[in-house]
């Protein structure tokens, strides 16, 4: 039998090449542009016309009522983006703590 290599031993600590950063930031830019597209093309319910970011999140719970793709996708995009941002911040914070402790 061969040597068993634990894949999780180096998970998250390898040096990232330029192509990984390019792919990461291109994907993030695409995600933001997708959100802008949804925001521009969504039809908000007549009883709720948002003007600020707080209004957008408050009114977003009514978006899926129309059962159209763009409004439902905007609802999903709006509520998944803060979760994705928190995951990225926690990943960066954990890497910073690990680097500081070593």
C-alpha atoms as a PDB file:
ATOM      1  CA  UNK A   1       0.000   0.000   0.000  1.00  0.00           C
ATOM      2  CA  UNK A   2       1.097   3.541  -0.532  1.00  0.00           C
ATOM      3  CA  UNK A   3       1.442   6.452   1.822  1.00  0.00           C
ATOM      4  CA  UNK A   4      -1.804   8.001   2.966  1.00  0.00           C
ATOM      5  CA  UNK A   5      -1.776  11.733   2.387  1.00  0.00           C
ATOM      6  CA  UNK A   6      -4.101  13.753   4.550  1.00  0.00           C
ATOM      7  CA  UNK A   7      -5.672  16.277   2.229  1.00  0.00           C
ATOM      8  CA  UNK A   8      -6.916  18.507   5.022  1.00  0.00           C
ATOM      9  CA  UNK A   9      -3.435  18.995   6.471  1.00  0.00           C
ATOM     10  CA  UNK A  10      -2.642  21.826   4.068  1.00  0.00           C
ATOM     11  CA  UNK A  11      -6.169  23.006   3.394  1.00  0.00           C
ATOM     12  CA  UNK A  12      -6.340  26.807   3.363  1.00  0.00           C
ATOM     13  CA  UNK A  13      -2.651  27.445   3.993  1.00  0.00           C
ATOM     14  CA  UNK A  14      -1.149  26.919   0.536  1.00  0.00           C
ATOM     15  CA  UNK A  15       0.215  29.932  -1.309  1.00  0.00           C
ATOM     16  CA  UNK A  16      -2.295  31.032  -3.914  1.00  0.00           C
ATOM     17  CA  UNK A  17      -1.081  31.629  -7.411  1.00  0.00           C
ATOM     18  CA  UNK A  18      -2.041  34.635  -9.462  1.00  0.00           C
ATOM     19  CA  UNK A  19      -4.641  32.627 -11.374  1.00  0.00           C
ATOM     20  CA  UNK A  20      -6.565  31.817  -8.193  1.00  0.00           C
ATOM     21  CA  UNK A  21      -6.731  35.477  -7.194  1.00  0.00           C
ATOM     22  CA  UNK A  22      -7.816  36.380 -10.713  1.00  0.00           C
ATOM     23  CA  UNK A  23     -10.563  33.730 -10.620  1.00  0.00           C
ATOM     24  CA  UNK A  24     -11.675  34.780  -7.132  1.00  0.00           C
ATOM     25  CA  UNK A  25     -11.948  38.491  -7.876  1.00  0.00           C
ATOM     26  CA  UNK A  26     -13.476  37.926 -11.312  1.00  0.00           C
ATOM     27  CA  UNK A  27     -16.154  35.783  -9.704  1.00  0.00           C
ATOM     28  CA  UNK A  28     -16.807  38.402  -7.026  1.00  0.00           C
ATOM     29  CA  UNK A  29     -17.124  41.121  -9.662  1.00  0.00           C
ATOM     30  CA  UNK A  30     -19.514  38.903 -11.617  1.00  0.00           C
ATOM     31  CA  UNK A  31     -21.596  38.328  -8.477  1.00  0.00           C
ATOM     32  CA  UNK A  32     -21.873  42.078  -7.880  1.00  0.00           C
ATOM     33  CA  UNK A  33     -22.772  42.763 -11.517  1.00  0.00           C
ATOM     34  CA  UNK A  34     -25.436  40.056 -11.329  1.00  0.00           C
ATOM     35  CA  UNK A  35     -26.924  41.823  -8.307  1.00  0.00           C
ATOM     36  CA  UNK A  36     -26.899  45.162 -10.119  1.00  0.00           C
ATOM     37  CA  UNK A  37     -28.673  43.536 -13.064  1.00  0.00           C
ATOM     38  CA  UNK A  38     -31.328  42.063 -10.761  1.00  0.00           C
ATOM     39  CA  UNK A  39     -31.801  45.380  -8.935  1.00  0.00           C
ATOM     40  CA  UNK A  40     -32.277  47.286 -12.191  1.00  0.00           C
ATOM     41  CA  UNK A  41     -34.703  44.786 -13.740  1.00  0.00           C
ATOM     42  CA  UNK A  42     -36.826  43.736 -10.774  1.00  0.00           C
ATOM     43  CA  UNK A  43     -40.380  44.990 -10.366  1.00  0.00           C
ATOM     44  CA  UNK A  44     -41.066  45.906  -6.772  1.00  0.00           C
ATOM     45  CA  UNK A  45     -44.560  45.520  -5.325  1.00  0.00           C
ATOM     46  CA  UNK A  46     -46.575  48.727  -5.633  1.00  0.00           C
ATOM     47  CA  UNK A  47     -47.006  48.953  -1.864  1.00  0.00           C
ATOM     48  CA  UNK A  48     -43.242  48.960  -1.308  1.00  0.00           C
ATOM     49  CA  UNK A  49     -40.841  51.133  -3.296  1.00  0.00           C
ATOM     50  CA  UNK A  50     -37.396  51.130  -1.669  1.00  0.00           C
ATOM     51  CA  UNK A  51     -35.020  54.080  -1.784  1.00  0.00           C
ATOM     52  CA  UNK A  52     -32.284  53.095   0.691  1.00  0.00           C
ATOM     53  CA  UNK A  53     -30.465  49.847   1.413  1.00  0.00           C
ATOM     54  CA  UNK A  54     -32.546  49.353   4.568  1.00  0.00           C
ATOM     55  CA  UNK A  55     -35.734  49.789   2.514  1.00  0.00           C
ATOM     56  CA  UNK A  56     -34.458  47.282  -0.048  1.00  0.00           C
ATOM     57  CA  UNK A  57     -33.955  44.591   2.594  1.00  0.00           C
ATOM     58  CA  UNK A  58     -37.249  45.446   4.311  1.00  0.00           C
ATOM     59  CA  UNK A  59     -39.193  45.218   1.038  1.00  0.00           C
ATOM     60  CA  UNK A  60     -37.305  42.213  -0.299  1.00  0.00           C
ATOM     61  CA  UNK A  61     -39.504  39.755   1.576  1.00  0.00           C
ATOM     62  CA  UNK A  62     -42.329  40.684  -0.791  1.00  0.00           C
ATOM     63  CA  UNK A  63     -40.308  40.105  -3.976  1.00  0.00           C
ATOM     64  CA  UNK A  64     -41.117  36.386  -4.480  1.00  0.00           C
ATOM     65  CA  UNK A  65     -44.863  37.094  -4.405  1.00  0.00           C
ATOM     66  CA  UNK A  66     -44.824  37.837  -8.141  1.00  0.00           C
ATOM     67  CA  UNK A  67     -43.271  34.411  -8.862  1.00  0.00           C
ATOM     68  CA  UNK A  68     -41.093  35.861 -11.626  1.00  0.00           C
ATOM     69  CA  UNK A  69     -37.499  34.787 -12.064  1.00  0.00           C
ATOM     70  CA  UNK A  70     -35.758  38.166 -11.675  1.00  0.00           C
ATOM     71  CA  UNK A  71     -37.593  39.097  -8.473  1.00  0.00           C
ATOM     72  CA  UNK A  72     -37.036  35.675  -6.902  1.00  0.00           C
ATOM     73  CA  UNK A  73     -33.371  35.707  -7.939  1.00  0.00           C
ATOM     74  CA  UNK A  74     -32.950  39.201  -6.463  1.00  0.00           C
ATOM     75  CA  UNK A  75     -34.445  37.994  -3.181  1.00  0.00           C
ATOM     76  CA  UNK A  76     -31.990  35.087  -3.113  1.00  0.00           C
ATOM     77  CA  UNK A  77     -29.084  37.333  -4.079  1.00  0.00           C
ATOM     78  CA  UNK A  78     -29.925  39.944  -1.430  1.00  0.00           C
ATOM     79  CA  UNK A  79     -30.110  37.448   1.421  1.00  0.00           C
ATOM     80  CA  UNK A  80     -27.158  35.268   0.398  1.00  0.00           C
ATOM     81  CA  UNK A  81     -24.684  38.113  -0.165  1.00  0.00           C
ATOM     82  CA  UNK A  82     -24.306  39.088   3.537  1.00  0.00           C
ATOM     83  CA  UNK A  83     -23.772  35.410   4.406  1.00  0.00           C
ATOM     84  CA  UNK A  84     -21.072  35.105   1.751  1.00  0.00           C
ATOM     85  CA  UNK A  85     -19.400  38.288   2.998  1.00  0.00           C
ATOM     86  CA  UNK A  86     -19.394  37.017   6.579  1.00  0.00           C
ATOM     87  CA  UNK A  87     -17.869  33.715   5.457  1.00  0.00           C
ATOM     88  CA  UNK A  88     -15.100  35.542   3.604  1.00  0.00           C
ATOM     89  CA  UNK A  89     -14.390  37.830   6.559  1.00  0.00           C
ATOM     90  CA  UNK A  90     -14.272  34.862   8.953  1.00  0.00           C
ATOM     91  CA  UNK A  91     -11.872  33.022   6.626  1.00  0.00           C
ATOM     92  CA  UNK A  92      -9.579  36.041   6.444  1.00  0.00           C
ATOM     93  CA  UNK A  93      -9.783  36.627  10.207  1.00  0.00           C
ATOM     94  CA  UNK A  94      -8.951  32.987  10.947  1.00  0.00           C
ATOM     95  CA  UNK A  95      -5.932  33.168   8.614  1.00  0.00           C
ATOM     96  CA  UNK A  96      -4.805  36.395  10.304  1.00  0.00           C
ATOM     97  CA  UNK A  97      -5.089  34.832  13.775  1.00  0.00           C
ATOM     98  CA  UNK A  98      -3.196  31.728  12.674  1.00  0.00           C
ATOM     99  CA  UNK A  99      -0.439  33.861  11.163  1.00  0.00           C
ATOM    100  CA  UNK A 100      -0.225  36.016  14.286  1.00  0.00           C
ATOM    101  CA  UNK A 101       0.006  33.006  16.614  1.00  0.00           C
ATOM    102  CA  UNK A 102       2.740  31.269  14.668  1.00  0.00           C
END
